[in-house]
């Protein structure tokens, strides 16, 4: 339209019709842009799913580690309970008590 000013090829009616079509096309473009923009912001759930999967993997690993630790503690407790207590005579018990007292006095 700008380039046609002063030209006799297009009449005033043609120029008004072209201007109306250009305005309508611009409005339609703006409408499409407004409709498309909200759709482009809906992609983050994919990132959220990846983060959720990674978190679930980490939680599973931590649970497995906790189960291993629990089994180790249970095994230690079992071994401790199954050990037979020392059967010492009275003299040995007295000697151990004296030795323990000596060691405690040295540490203090």
Protein backbone atom coordinates (compact mmCIF):
# COMPACT_ATOMS: atom_id res chain seq x y z
CA UNK A 1 0.00 0.00 0.00
CA UNK A 2 2.83 2.40 0.88
CA UNK A 3 4.53 1.74 -2.42
CA UNK A 4 1.29 2.26 -4.33
CA UNK A 5 0.68 5.83 -3.12
CA UNK A 6 0.41 8.18 -6.04
CA UNK A 7 -0.20 5.25 -8.38
CA UNK A 8 -3.30 5.01 -10.51
CA UNK A 9 -3.18 1.18 -10.63
CA UNK A 10 -5.16 0.85 -7.36
CA UNK A 11 -8.26 2.87 -6.73
CA UNK A 12 -9.30 4.21 -3.34
CA UNK A 13 -11.70 1.29 -2.83
CA UNK A 14 -8.91 -1.21 -3.59
CA UNK A 15 -6.59 0.53 -1.12
CA UNK A 16 -9.25 0.50 1.63
CA UNK A 17 -9.97 -3.18 0.95
CA UNK A 18 -6.25 -4.04 1.12
CA UNK A 19 -5.86 -2.03 4.34
CA UNK A 20 -8.81 -3.89 5.88
CA UNK A 21 -7.33 -7.24 4.84
CA UNK A 22 -3.95 -6.28 6.31
CA UNK A 23 -5.59 -5.21 9.58
CA UNK A 24 -7.60 -8.45 9.72
CA UNK A 25 -4.48 -10.50 9.03
CA UNK A 26 -2.60 -8.70 11.83
CA UNK A 27 -5.48 -9.33 14.27
CA UNK A 28 -5.58 -13.00 13.28
CA UNK A 29 -1.80 -13.27 13.75
CA UNK A 30 -2.05 -11.71 17.23
CA UNK A 31 -4.84 -14.15 18.09
CA UNK A 32 -2.71 -17.10 16.99
CA UNK A 33 0.29 -15.86 18.95
CA UNK A 34 -1.82 -15.51 22.10
CA UNK A 35 -3.19 -19.06 21.63
CA UNK A 36 0.24 -20.61 21.01
CA UNK A 37 2.13 -18.90 23.86
CA UNK A 38 0.26 -20.64 26.71
CA UNK A 39 0.82 -24.00 24.99
CA UNK A 40 4.58 -23.50 24.94
CA UNK A 41 4.59 -23.07 28.72
CA UNK A 42 3.09 -26.52 29.32
CA UNK A 43 6.33 -28.44 28.63
CA UNK A 44 7.77 -28.44 32.20
CA UNK A 45 5.87 -31.63 33.25
CA UNK A 46 8.40 -33.64 31.23
CA UNK A 47 11.18 -32.20 33.38
CA UNK A 48 9.11 -32.91 36.49
CA UNK A 49 8.68 -36.54 35.41
CA UNK A 50 12.45 -36.93 34.96
CA UNK A 51 13.08 -35.42 38.40
CA UNK A 52 10.42 -37.70 39.92
CA UNK A 53 11.98 -40.80 38.34
CA UNK A 54 15.44 -39.82 39.61
CA UNK A 55 14.04 -39.21 43.09
CA UNK A 56 12.32 -42.61 43.10
CA UNK A 57 15.58 -44.29 42.10
CA UNK A 58 17.38 -42.50 44.92
CA UNK A 59 14.70 -43.44 47.45
CA UNK A 60 14.86 -47.09 46.36
CA UNK A 61 18.63 -47.12 46.74
CA UNK A 62 18.40 -45.56 50.20
CA UNK A 63 15.83 -48.13 51.30
CA UNK A 64 18.08 -50.95 50.11
CA UNK A 65 21.01 -49.48 52.04
CA UNK A 66 18.88 -49.20 55.17
CA UNK A 67 17.82 -52.83 54.81
CA UNK A 68 21.47 -53.89 54.49
CA UNK A 69 22.37 -51.97 57.65
CA UNK A 70 19.44 -53.49 59.53
CA UNK A 71 20.55 -57.01 58.53
CA UNK A 72 24.12 -56.26 59.63
CA UNK A 73 22.92 -55.00 63.00
CA UNK A 74 20.69 -58.04 63.46
CA UNK A 75 23.61 -60.35 62.62
CA UNK A 76 25.84 -58.57 65.14
CA UNK A 77 23.15 -58.83 67.81
CA UNK A 78 22.70 -62.53 67.07
CA UNK A 79 26.43 -63.21 67.34
CA UNK A 80 26.61 -61.24 70.57
CA UNK A 81 23.74 -63.21 72.12
CA UNK A 82 25.09 -66.58 70.93
CA UNK A 83 28.54 -66.11 72.47
CA UNK A 84 29.09 -68.17 75.56
CA UNK A 85 29.98 -66.10 78.57
CA UNK A 86 33.43 -66.48 80.06
CA UNK A 87 33.49 -69.03 82.76
CA UNK A 88 36.14 -67.79 85.13
CA UNK A 89 37.00 -69.00 88.55
CA UNK A 90 36.96 -66.65 91.51
CA UNK A 91 40.70 -65.97 91.35
CA UNK A 92 40.63 -64.97 87.70
CA UNK A 93 37.64 -62.69 88.30
CA UNK A 94 39.49 -60.96 91.16
CA UNK A 95 42.64 -60.55 89.03
CA UNK A 96 40.63 -59.02 86.19
CA UNK A 97 38.90 -56.61 88.57
CA UNK A 98 42.24 -55.49 90.00
CA UNK A 99 43.71 -55.04 86.51
CA UNK A 100 40.69 -53.02 85.36
CA UNK A 101 40.97 -50.78 88.42
CA UNK A 102 44.68 -50.22 87.73
CA UNK A 103 44.01 -49.30 84.11
CA UNK A 104 41.21 -46.93 85.07
CA UNK A 105 43.42 -45.16 87.60
CA UNK A 106 46.15 -44.72 84.97
CA UNK A 107 43.70 -43.11 82.50
CA UNK A 108 42.49 -40.59 85.04
